[in-house]
Amino acid sequence: MTYRRTTCRRLAVLLAAGLTPLALTAPAAQAATPAKPYDFNGDGKADLAIGAPAATVGGKKGAGAVSVVRTA
């Protein structure tokens, strides 16, 4: 290998290593406002979650389902 080709490869590796952390950083998550207890959909009213573990969903037996019902 020539000196120029080796230098180019080293420069490419260093550049890629330097830019990789910039590409992998995620923006800071913003916290959601806390919901009231038992308020699954955030409407300010208590909800009731009812599980059906053996329910058929989309033709798939035993897929399971959860129904959320707003209480009074």
C-alpha atoms as a PDB file:
ATOM      1  CA  MET A   1       0.000   0.000   0.000  1.00  0.00           C
ATOM      2  CA  THR A   2       1.170   3.480  -0.685  1.00  0.00           C
ATOM      3  CA  TYR A   3       1.598   6.131   1.956  1.00  0.00           C
ATOM      4  CA  ARG A   4      -1.253   8.181   0.491  1.00  0.00           C
ATOM      5  CA  ARG A   5      -3.728   5.259   0.472  1.00  0.00           C
ATOM      6  CA  THR A   6      -2.835   4.335   4.080  1.00  0.00           C
ATOM      7  CA  THR A   7      -3.261   7.931   5.205  1.00  0.00           C
ATOM      8  CA  CYS A   8      -6.646   8.170   3.467  1.00  0.00           C
ATOM      9  CA  ARG A   9      -7.887   5.008   5.154  1.00  0.00           C
ATOM     10  CA  ARG A  10      -6.719   6.160   8.569  1.00  0.00           C
ATOM     11  CA  LEU A  11      -8.411   9.505   8.078  1.00  0.00           C
ATOM     12  CA  ALA A  12     -11.666   7.798   7.025  1.00  0.00           C
ATOM     13  CA  VAL A  13     -11.604   5.525  10.086  1.00  0.00           C
ATOM     14  CA  LEU A  14     -10.921   8.426  12.440  1.00  0.00           C
ATOM     15  CA  LEU A  15     -13.645  10.541  10.852  1.00  0.00           C
ATOM     16  CA  ALA A  16     -16.194   7.714  11.091  1.00  0.00           C
ATOM     17  CA  ALA A  17     -15.244   7.031  14.715  1.00  0.00           C
ATOM     18  CA  GLY A  18     -15.594  10.705  15.560  1.00  0.00           C
ATOM     19  CA  LEU A  19     -19.006  11.131  13.916  1.00  0.00           C
ATOM     20  CA  THR A  20     -20.593   7.881  15.129  1.00  0.00           C
ATOM     21  CA  PRO A  21     -21.463   9.181  18.634  1.00  0.00           C
ATOM     22  CA  LEU A  22     -23.197  12.189  17.058  1.00  0.00           C
ATOM     23  CA  ALA A  23     -25.411   9.948  14.940  1.00  0.00           C
ATOM     24  CA  LEU A  24     -26.314   7.632  17.826  1.00  0.00           C
ATOM     25  CA  THR A  25     -27.397  10.241  20.355  1.00  0.00           C
ATOM     26  CA  ALA A  26     -31.141  10.533  20.857  1.00  0.00           C
ATOM     27  CA  PRO A  27     -32.943  13.724  21.801  1.00  0.00           C
ATOM     28  CA  ALA A  28     -33.851  14.056  25.454  1.00  0.00           C
ATOM     29  CA  ALA A  29     -37.227  12.562  26.300  1.00  0.00           C
ATOM     30  CA  GLN A  30     -39.811  14.892  27.700  1.00  0.00           C
ATOM     31  CA  ALA A  31     -41.787  13.693  30.673  1.00  0.00           C
ATOM     32  CA  ALA A  32     -45.546  13.519  30.250  1.00  0.00           C
ATOM     33  CA  THR A  33     -47.763  15.064  32.852  1.00  0.00           C
ATOM     34  CA  PRO A  34     -48.678  12.404  35.385  1.00  0.00           C
ATOM     35  CA  ALA A  35     -52.184  10.990  35.058  1.00  0.00           C
ATOM     36  CA  LYS A  36     -54.546  10.606  37.959  1.00  0.00           C
ATOM     37  CA  PRO A  37     -54.661   7.133  39.512  1.00  0.00           C
ATOM     38  CA  TYR A  38     -56.624   4.665  37.369  1.00  0.00           C
ATOM     39  CA  ASP A  39     -56.851   7.166  34.500  1.00  0.00           C
ATOM     40  CA  PHE A  40     -55.584   5.144  31.522  1.00  0.00           C
ATOM     41  CA  ASN A  41     -56.533   7.554  28.741  1.00  0.00           C
ATOM     42  CA  GLY A  42     -55.695  10.842  30.481  1.00  0.00           C
ATOM     43  CA  ASP A  43     -59.208  12.353  30.393  1.00  0.00           C
ATOM     44  CA  GLY A  44     -59.240  13.068  34.131  1.00  0.00           C
ATOM     45  CA  LYS A  45     -61.773  10.366  34.969  1.00  0.00           C
ATOM     46  CA  ALA A  46     -61.101   6.957  36.512  1.00  0.00           C
ATOM     47  CA  ASP A  47     -61.099   4.001  34.122  1.00  0.00           C
ATOM     48  CA  LEU A  48     -61.466   0.274  34.614  1.00  0.00           C
ATOM     49  CA  ALA A  49     -59.231  -2.128  32.663  1.00  0.00           C
ATOM     50  CA  ILE A  50     -60.694  -5.589  32.054  1.00  0.00           C
ATOM     51  CA  GLY A  51     -58.400  -8.330  30.778  1.00  0.00           C
ATOM     52  CA  ALA A  52     -59.465 -11.257  28.614  1.00  0.00           C
ATOM     53  CA  PRO A  53     -56.328 -13.406  28.261  1.00  0.00           C
ATOM     54  CA  ALA A  54     -57.944 -16.072  26.069  1.00  0.00           C
ATOM     55  CA  ALA A  55     -59.792 -13.694  23.716  1.00  0.00           C
ATOM     56  CA  THR A  56     -59.633 -14.180  19.954  1.00  0.00           C
ATOM     57  CA  VAL A  57     -58.309 -11.072  18.199  1.00  0.00           C
ATOM     58  CA  GLY A  58     -58.092 -10.766  14.423  1.00  0.00           C
ATOM     59  CA  GLY A  59     -58.763 -14.494  14.037  1.00  0.00           C
ATOM     60  CA  LYS A  60     -55.868 -15.420  16.377  1.00  0.00           C
ATOM     61  CA  LYS A  61     -57.129 -17.654  19.182  1.00  0.00           C
ATOM     62  CA  GLY A  62     -55.697 -16.945  22.619  1.00  0.00           C
ATOM     63  CA  ALA A  63     -54.198 -13.598  21.559  1.00  0.00           C
ATOM     64  CA  GLY A  64     -55.736 -11.837  24.553  1.00  0.00           C
ATOM     65  CA  ALA A  65     -57.337  -8.447  24.835  1.00  0.00           C
ATOM     66  CA  VAL A  66     -57.781  -5.595  27.271  1.00  0.00           C
ATOM     67  CA  SER A  67     -60.880  -3.423  27.381  1.00  0.00           C
ATOM     68  CA  VAL A  68     -60.759  -0.049  29.124  1.00  0.00           C
ATOM     69  CA  VAL A  69     -64.093   1.351  30.335  1.00  0.00           C
ATOM     70  CA  ARG A  70     -64.633   4.804  31.829  1.00  0.00           C
ATOM     71  CA  THR A  71     -66.326   4.668  35.210  1.00  0.00           C
ATOM     72  CA  ALA A  72     -68.908   7.191  36.344  1.00  0.00           C
END
